[in-house]
PDB file of N, CA and C in Angstrom:
ATOM      1  N   MET A   1       3.470  13.784  19.128  1.00  0.00           N
ATOM      2  CA  MET A   1       3.148  12.586  18.391  1.00  0.00           C
ATOM      3  C   MET A   1       3.356  11.352  19.283  1.00  0.00           C
ATOM      4  N   LEU A   2       4.401  11.391  20.052  1.00  0.00           N
ATOM      5  CA  LEU A   2       4.683  10.276  20.958  1.00  0.00           C
ATOM      6  C   LEU A   2       3.574  10.128  21.989  1.00  0.00           C
ATOM      7  N   ALA A   3       3.033  11.245  22.440  1.00  0.00           N
ATOM      8  CA  ALA A   3       1.940  11.195  23.412  1.00  0.00           C
ATOM      9  C   ALA A   3       0.698  10.560  22.805  1.00  0.00           C
ATOM     10  N   LEU A   4       0.430  10.838  21.531  1.00  0.00           N
ATOM     11  CA  LEU A   4      -0.726  10.219  20.862  1.00  0.00           C
ATOM     12  C   LEU A   4      -0.587   8.703  20.796  1.00  0.00           C
ATOM     13  N   PHE A   5       0.613   8.227  20.485  1.00  0.00           N
ATOM     14  CA  PHE A   5       0.831   6.779  20.463  1.00  0.00           C
ATOM     15  C   PHE A   5       0.638   6.182  21.859  1.00  0.00           C
ATOM     16  N   PHE A   6       1.148   6.842  22.859  1.00  0.00           N
ATOM     17  CA  PHE A   6       1.009   6.353  24.236  1.00  0.00           C
ATOM     18  C   PHE A   6      -0.466   6.268  24.630  1.00  0.00           C
ATOM     19  N   VAL A   7      -1.231   7.330  24.350  1.00  0.00           N
ATOM     20  CA  VAL A   7      -2.654   7.351  24.695  1.00  0.00           C
ATOM     21  C   VAL A   7      -3.410   6.318  23.863  1.00  0.00           C
ATOM     22  N   GLY A   8      -3.123   6.259  22.574  1.00  0.00           N
ATOM     23  CA  GLY A   8      -3.847   5.344  21.681  1.00  0.00           C
ATOM     24  C   GLY A   8      -3.680   3.887  22.042  1.00  0.00           C
ATOM     25  N   PHE A   9      -2.468   3.496  22.407  1.00  0.00           N
ATOM     26  CA  PHE A   9      -2.238   2.094  22.734  1.00  0.00           C
ATOM     27  C   PHE A   9      -2.635   1.732  24.162  1.00  0.00           C
ATOM     28  N   ASN A  10      -2.922   2.717  24.988  1.00  0.00           N
ATOM     29  CA  ASN A  10      -3.325   2.434  26.354  1.00  0.00           C
ATOM     30  C   ASN A  10      -4.816   2.649  26.606  1.00  0.00           C
ATOM     31  N   LEU A  11      -5.584   2.912  25.583  1.00  0.00           N
ATOM     32  CA  LEU A  11      -7.026   3.099  25.758  1.00  0.00           C
ATOM     33  C   LEU A  11      -7.761   1.781  25.973  1.00  0.00           C
ATOM     34  N   ASP A  12      -7.146   0.710  25.594  1.00  0.00           N
ATOM     35  CA  ASP A  12      -7.723  -0.628  25.746  1.00  0.00           C
ATOM     36  C   ASP A  12      -8.978  -0.831  24.896  1.00  0.00           C
ATOM     37  N   ASN A  13      -9.019  -0.200  23.725  1.00  0.00           N
ATOM     38  CA  ASN A  13     -10.066  -0.476  22.735  1.00  0.00           C
ATOM     39  C   ASN A  13      -9.480  -1.415  21.702  1.00  0.00           C
ATOM     40  N   HIS A  14     -10.043  -2.615  21.619  1.00  0.00           N
ATOM     41  CA  HIS A  14      -9.526  -3.618  20.695  1.00  0.00           C
ATOM     42  C   HIS A  14     -10.645  -4.106  19.788  1.00  0.00           C
ATOM     43  N   ALA A  15     -10.242  -4.607  18.624  1.00  0.00           N
ATOM     44  CA  ALA A  15     -11.205  -5.183  17.676  1.00  0.00           C
ATOM     45  C   ALA A  15     -10.551  -6.372  17.003  1.00  0.00           C
ATOM     46  N   ASP A  16     -11.377  -7.219  16.433  1.00  0.00           N
ATOM     47  CA  ASP A  16     -10.885  -8.345  15.645  1.00  0.00           C
ATOM     48  C   ASP A  16     -10.912  -7.941  14.185  1.00  0.00           C
ATOM     49  N   LEU A  17      -9.775  -8.085  13.517  1.00  0.00           N
ATOM     50  CA  LEU A  17      -9.661  -7.742  12.107  1.00  0.00           C
ATOM     51  C   LEU A  17      -9.701  -9.029  11.311  1.00  0.00           C
ATOM     52  N   SER A  18     -10.740  -9.182  10.516  1.00  0.00           N
ATOM     53  CA  SER A  18     -10.913 -10.403   9.734  1.00  0.00           C
ATOM     54  C   SER A  18     -10.438 -10.162   8.308  1.00  0.00           C
ATOM     55  N   LEU A  19      -9.351 -10.831   7.971  1.00  0.00           N
ATOM     56  CA  LEU A  19      -8.891 -10.846   6.587  1.00  0.00           C
ATOM     57  C   LEU A  19      -9.498 -12.089   5.940  1.00  0.00           C
ATOM     58  N   ILE A  20      -9.268 -12.315   4.694  1.00  0.00           N
ATOM     59  CA  ILE A  20      -9.968 -13.401   3.987  1.00  0.00           C
ATOM     60  C   ILE A  20      -9.719 -14.758   4.650  1.00  0.00           C
ATOM     61  N   PHE A  21      -8.480 -15.093   4.912  1.00  0.00           N
ATOM     62  CA  PHE A  21      -8.185 -16.429   5.420  1.00  0.00           C
ATOM     63  C   PHE A  21      -7.752 -16.457   6.882  1.00  0.00           C
ATOM     64  N   VAL A  22      -7.559 -15.303   7.483  1.00  0.00           N
ATOM     65  CA  VAL A  22      -7.068 -15.260   8.845  1.00  0.00           C
ATOM     66  C   VAL A  22      -7.763 -14.117   9.591  1.00  0.00           C
ATOM     67  N   THR A  23      -7.939 -14.298  10.894  1.00  0.00           N
ATOM     68  CA  THR A  23      -8.523 -13.262  11.741  1.00  0.00           C
ATOM     69  C   THR A  23      -7.493 -12.846  12.786  1.00  0.00           C
ATOM     70  N   LEU A  24      -7.215 -11.559  12.825  1.00  0.00           N
ATOM     71  CA  LEU A  24      -6.299 -11.037  13.825  1.00  0.00           C
ATOM     72  C   LEU A  24      -7.116 -10.652  15.049  1.00  0.00           C
ATOM     73  N   GLN A  25      -6.793 -11.208  16.181  1.00  0.00           N
ATOM     74  CA  GLN A  25      -7.545 -11.013  17.409  1.00  0.00           C
ATOM     75  C   GLN A  25      -6.993  -9.824  18.194  1.00  0.00           C
ATOM     76  N   ARG A  26      -7.883  -9.038  18.781  1.00  0.00           N
ATOM     77  CA  ARG A  26      -7.561  -7.959  19.701  1.00  0.00           C
ATOM     78  C   ARG A  26      -6.515  -6.980  19.155  1.00  0.00           C
ATOM     79  N   VAL A  27      -6.774  -6.459  17.963  1.00  0.00           N
ATOM     80  CA  VAL A  27      -5.910  -5.437  17.378  1.00  0.00           C
ATOM     81  C   VAL A  27      -6.391  -4.087  17.909  1.00  0.00           C
ATOM     82  N   PRO A  28      -5.491  -3.227  18.392  1.00  0.00           N
ATOM     83  CA  PRO A  28      -5.922  -1.918  18.903  1.00  0.00           C
ATOM     84  C   PRO A  28      -6.605  -1.087  17.805  1.00  0.00           C
ATOM     85  N   VAL A  29      -7.725  -0.486  18.148  1.00  0.00           N
ATOM     86  CA  VAL A  29      -8.484   0.312  17.189  1.00  0.00           C
ATOM     87  C   VAL A  29      -7.660   1.512  16.728  1.00  0.00           C
ATOM     88  N   PHE A  30      -6.888   2.077  17.639  1.00  0.00           N
ATOM     89  CA  PHE A  30      -6.026   3.203  17.294  1.00  0.00           C
ATOM     90  C   PHE A  30      -5.051   2.816  16.186  1.00  0.00           C
ATOM     91  N   PHE A  31      -4.477   1.623  16.291  1.00  0.00           N
ATOM     92  CA  PHE A  31      -3.532   1.136  15.286  1.00  0.00           C
ATOM     93  C   PHE A  31      -4.229   0.935  13.945  1.00  0.00           C
ATOM     94  N   LEU A  32      -5.438   0.370  13.951  1.00  0.00           N
ATOM     95  CA  LEU A  32      -6.187   0.164  12.715  1.00  0.00           C
ATOM     96  C   LEU A  32      -6.512   1.491  12.029  1.00  0.00           C
ATOM     97  N   ALA A  33      -6.921   2.480  12.819  1.00  0.00           N
ATOM     98  CA  ALA A  33      -7.240   3.790  12.248  1.00  0.00           C
ATOM     99  C   ALA A  33      -5.999   4.418  11.628  1.00  0.00           C
ATOM    100  N   MET A  34      -4.863   4.316  12.287  1.00  0.00           N
ATOM    101  CA  MET A  34      -3.628   4.876  11.744  1.00  0.00           C
ATOM    102  C   MET A  34      -3.213   4.172  10.457  1.00  0.00           C
ATOM    103  N   VAL A  35      -3.286   2.850  10.449  1.00  0.00           N
ATOM    104  CA  VAL A  35      -2.875   2.081   9.266  1.00  0.00           C
ATOM    105  C   VAL A  35      -3.763   2.420   8.079  1.00  0.00           C
ATOM    106  N   PHE A  36      -5.078   2.452   8.270  1.00  0.00           N
ATOM    107  CA  PHE A  36      -5.963   2.723   7.147  1.00  0.00           C
ATOM    108  C   PHE A  36      -5.905   4.182   6.701  1.00  0.00           C
ATOM    109  N   PHE A  37      -5.588   5.092   7.603  1.00  0.00           N
ATOM    110  CA  PHE A  37      -5.365   6.487   7.219  1.00  0.00           C
ATOM    111  C   PHE A  37      -4.144   6.597   6.320  1.00  0.00           C
ATOM    112  N   VAL A  38      -3.062   5.931   6.692  1.00  0.00           N
ATOM    113  CA  VAL A  38      -1.836   5.972   5.887  1.00  0.00           C
ATOM    114  C   VAL A  38      -2.061   5.295   4.533  1.00  0.00           C
ATOM    115  N   LEU A  39      -2.779   4.177   4.514  1.00  0.00           N
ATOM    116  CA  LEU A  39      -3.067   3.512   3.236  1.00  0.00           C
ATOM    117  C   LEU A  39      -3.912   4.406   2.322  1.00  0.00           C
ATOM    118  N   GLY A  40      -4.870   5.109   2.880  1.00  0.00           N
ATOM    119  CA  GLY A  40      -5.677   6.030   2.086  1.00  0.00           C
ATOM    120  C   GLY A  40      -4.845   7.181   1.556  1.00  0.00           C
ATOM    121  N   PHE A  41      -3.951   7.695   2.371  1.00  0.00           N
ATOM    122  CA  PHE A  41      -3.073   8.778   1.945  1.00  0.00           C
ATOM    123  C   PHE A  41      -2.170   8.320   0.804  1.00  0.00           C
ATOM    124  N   ILE A  42      -1.608   7.126   0.940  1.00  0.00           N
ATOM    125  CA  ILE A  42      -0.705   6.601  -0.093  1.00  0.00           C
ATOM    126  C   ILE A  42      -1.467   6.353  -1.398  1.00  0.00           C
ATOM    127  N   SER A  43      -2.694   5.856  -1.306  1.00  0.00           N
ATOM    128  CA  SER A  43      -3.453   5.578  -2.525  1.00  0.00           C
ATOM    129  C   SER A  43      -3.926   6.855  -3.207  1.00  0.00           C
ATOM    130  N   ALA A  44      -4.087   7.953  -2.475  1.00  0.00           N
ATOM    131  CA  ALA A  44      -4.509   9.219  -3.074  1.00  0.00           C
ATOM    132  C   ALA A  44      -3.332  10.044  -3.568  1.00  0.00           C
ATOM    133  N   LEU A  45      -2.149   9.768  -3.087  1.00  0.00           N
ATOM    134  CA  LEU A  45      -0.972  10.556  -3.422  1.00  0.00           C
ATOM    135  C   LEU A  45      -0.683  10.641  -4.921  1.00  0.00           C
ATOM    136  N   PRO A  46      -0.783   9.572  -5.701  1.00  0.00           N
ATOM    137  CA  PRO A  46      -0.493   9.693  -7.135  1.00  0.00           C
ATOM    138  C   PRO A  46      -1.401  10.676  -7.867  1.00  0.00           C
ATOM    139  N   PHE A  47      -2.605  10.893  -7.381  1.00  0.00           N
ATOM    140  CA  PHE A  47      -3.512  11.827  -8.045  1.00  0.00           C
ATOM    141  C   PHE A  47      -3.083  13.278  -7.826  1.00  0.00           C
ATOM    142  N   PHE A  48      -2.353  13.548  -6.760  1.00  0.00           N
ATOM    143  CA  PHE A  48      -1.899  14.903  -6.478  1.00  0.00           C
ATOM    144  C   PHE A  48      -0.485  15.164  -6.965  1.00  0.00           C
ATOM    145  N   VAL A  49       0.335  14.134  -7.068  1.00  0.00           N
ATOM    146  CA  VAL A  49       1.732  14.294  -7.433  1.00  0.00           C
ATOM    147  C   VAL A  49       1.972  13.921  -8.891  1.00  0.00           C
ATOM    148  N   GLY A  50       1.025  13.262  -9.520  1.00  0.00           N
ATOM    149  CA  GLY A  50       1.181  12.781 -10.883  1.00  0.00           C
ATOM    150  C   GLY A  50       1.463  13.890 -11.874  1.00  0.00           C
ATOM    151  N   PRO A  51       1.733  13.515 -13.114  1.00  0.00           N
ATOM    152  CA  PRO A  51       2.049  14.529 -14.130  1.00  0.00           C
ATOM    153  C   PRO A  51       0.861  15.458 -14.369  1.00  0.00           C
ATOM    154  N   THR A  52       1.186  16.728 -14.537  1.00  0.00           N
ATOM    155  CA  THR A  52       0.127  17.696 -14.806  1.00  0.00           C
ATOM    156  C   THR A  52      -0.108  17.765 -16.298  1.00  0.00           C
ATOM    157  N   ARG A  53      -1.324  18.009 -16.663  1.00  0.00           N
ATOM    158  CA  ARG A  53      -1.679  18.098 -18.079  1.00  0.00           C
ATOM    159  C   ARG A  53      -1.771  19.560 -18.461  1.00  0.00           C
ATOM    160  N   ASN A  54      -0.746  20.037 -19.115  1.00  0.00           N
ATOM    161  CA  ASN A  54      -0.735  21.416 -19.576  1.00  0.00           C
ATOM    162  C   ASN A  54      -1.284  21.459 -21.005  1.00  0.00           C
ATOM    163  N   PRO A  55      -2.172  22.389 -21.284  1.00  0.00           N
ATOM    164  CA  PRO A  55      -2.637  22.497 -22.661  1.00  0.00           C
ATOM    165  C   PRO A  55      -1.475  22.878 -23.567  1.00  0.00           C
ATOM    166  N   SER A  56      -1.557  22.461 -24.804  1.00  0.00           N
ATOM    167  CA  SER A  56      -0.459  22.745 -25.724  1.00  0.00           C
ATOM    168  C   SER A  56      -0.327  24.246 -25.946  1.00  0.00           C
ATOM    169  N   LYS A  57       0.837  24.662 -26.383  1.00  0.00           N
ATOM    170  CA  LYS A  57       1.093  26.079 -26.573  1.00  0.00           C
ATOM    171  C   LYS A  57       0.209  26.658 -27.673  1.00  0.00           C
ATOM    172  N   LYS A  58      -0.168  25.844 -28.635  1.00  0.00           N
ATOM    173  CA  LYS A  58      -1.031  26.310 -29.717  1.00  0.00           C
ATOM    174  C   LYS A  58      -2.370  26.796 -29.175  1.00  0.00           C
ATOM    175  N   GLU A  59      -2.909  26.095 -28.233  1.00  0.00           N
ATOM    176  CA  GLU A  59      -4.210  26.457 -27.684  1.00  0.00           C
ATOM    177  C   GLU A  59      -4.121  27.697 -26.803  1.00  0.00           C
ATOM    178  N   ASN A  60      -2.946  27.964 -26.226  1.00  0.00           N
ATOM    179  CA  ASN A  60      -2.790  29.111 -25.334  1.00  0.00           C
ATOM    180  C   ASN A  60      -2.521  30.406 -26.084  1.00  0.00           C
ATOM    181  N   GLN A  61      -2.088  30.327 -27.334  1.00  0.00           N
ATOM    182  CA  GLN A  61      -1.761  31.527 -28.082  1.00  0.00           C
ATOM    183  C   GLN A  61      -3.023  32.301 -28.427  1.00  0.00           C
ATOM    184  N   LYS A  62      -2.878  33.621 -28.376  1.00  0.00           N
ATOM    185  CA  LYS A  62      -3.993  34.469 -28.768  1.00  0.00           C
ATOM    186  C   LYS A  62      -4.076  34.487 -30.295  1.00  0.00           C
ATOM    187  N   PRO A  63      -5.280  34.545 -30.848  1.00  0.00           N
ATOM    188  CA  PRO A  63      -5.395  34.583 -32.301  1.00  0.00           C
ATOM    189  C   PRO A  63      -4.799  35.887 -32.841  1.00  0.00           C
ATOM    190  N   SER A  64      -4.186  35.801 -33.980  1.00  0.00           N
ATOM    191  CA  SER A  64      -3.575  36.984 -34.578  1.00  0.00           C
ATOM    192  C   SER A  64      -4.661  37.887 -35.157  1.00  0.00           C
ATOM    193  N   GLN A  65      -4.274  39.102 -35.537  1.00  0.00           N
ATOM    194  CA  GLN A  65      -5.221  40.076 -36.062  1.00  0.00           C
ATOM    195  C   GLN A  65      -5.875  39.570 -37.342  1.00  0.00           C
ATOM    196  N   SER A  66      -5.128  38.856 -38.184  1.00  0.00           N
ATOM    197  CA  SER A  66      -5.694  38.400 -39.452  1.00  0.00           C
ATOM    198  C   SER A  66      -6.773  37.333 -39.235  1.00  0.00           C
ATOM    199  N   GLN A  67      -6.700  36.614 -38.161  1.00  0.00           N
ATOM    200  CA  GLN A  67      -7.710  35.595 -37.894  1.00  0.00           C
ATOM    201  C   GLN A  67      -8.981  36.192 -37.327  1.00  0.00           C
ATOM    202  N   ASN A  68      -8.905  37.396 -36.769  1.00  0.00           N
ATOM    203  CA  ASN A  68     -10.071  38.037 -36.180  1.00  0.00           C
ATOM    204  C   ASN A  68     -10.936  38.756 -37.211  1.00  0.00           C
ATOM    205  N   VAL A  69     -10.415  38.963 -38.400  1.00  0.00           N
ATOM    206  CA  VAL A  69     -11.157  39.708 -39.429  1.00  0.00           C
ATOM    207  C   VAL A  69     -12.231  38.803 -40.015  1.00  0.00           C
ATOM    208  N   ILE A  70     -13.452  39.309 -40.048  1.00  0.00           N
ATOM    209  CA  ILE A  70     -14.569  38.566 -40.644  1.00  0.00           C
ATOM    210  C   ILE A  70     -14.645  38.961 -42.114  1.00  0.00           C
ATOM    211  N   LYS A  71     -14.580  37.956 -42.974  1.00  0.00           N
ATOM    212  CA  LYS A  71     -14.630  38.239 -44.406  1.00  0.00           C
ATOM    213  C   LYS A  71     -16.074  38.360 -44.859  1.00  0.00           C
ATOM    214  N   SER A  72     -16.302  39.262 -45.744  1.00  0.00           N
ATOM    215  CA  SER A  72     -17.649  39.429 -46.276  1.00  0.00           C
ATOM    216  C   SER A  72     -17.916  38.355 -47.335  1.00  0.00           C
ATOM    217  N   PRO A  73     -19.166  37.999 -47.557  1.00  0.00           N
ATOM    218  CA  PRO A  73     -19.459  36.937 -48.528  1.00  0.00           C
ATOM    219  C   PRO A  73     -19.081  37.325 -49.954  1.00  0.00           C
ATOM    220  N   GLU A  74     -18.858  38.598 -50.242  1.00  0.00           N
ATOM    221  CA  GLU A  74     -18.516  39.018 -51.595  1.00  0.00           C
ATOM    222  C   GLU A  74     -17.084  38.702 -51.932  1.00  0.00           C
ATOM    223  N   GLU A  75     -16.225  38.527 -50.968  1.00  0.00           N
ATOM    224  CA  GLU A  75     -14.806  38.293 -51.233  1.00  0.00           C
ATOM    225  C   GLU A  75     -14.512  36.899 -51.619  1.00  0.00           C
TER     226      GLU A  75
END
């Protein structure tokens, strides 16, 4: 991991990052990619770690024998 940081910051690829009111000059592209990757990971994390929706126990129960019997119209 340390080698990746060393290579990334020494590639000399820079970009200007324009925010609404300020422009950051000569920001390393490697740093921008890492920051936006982490932000994407953090924003997706609640969808994977959030509460799970388990169906209620009533829906999981098998119907009993009396519920499976079809009544004839004469009854």
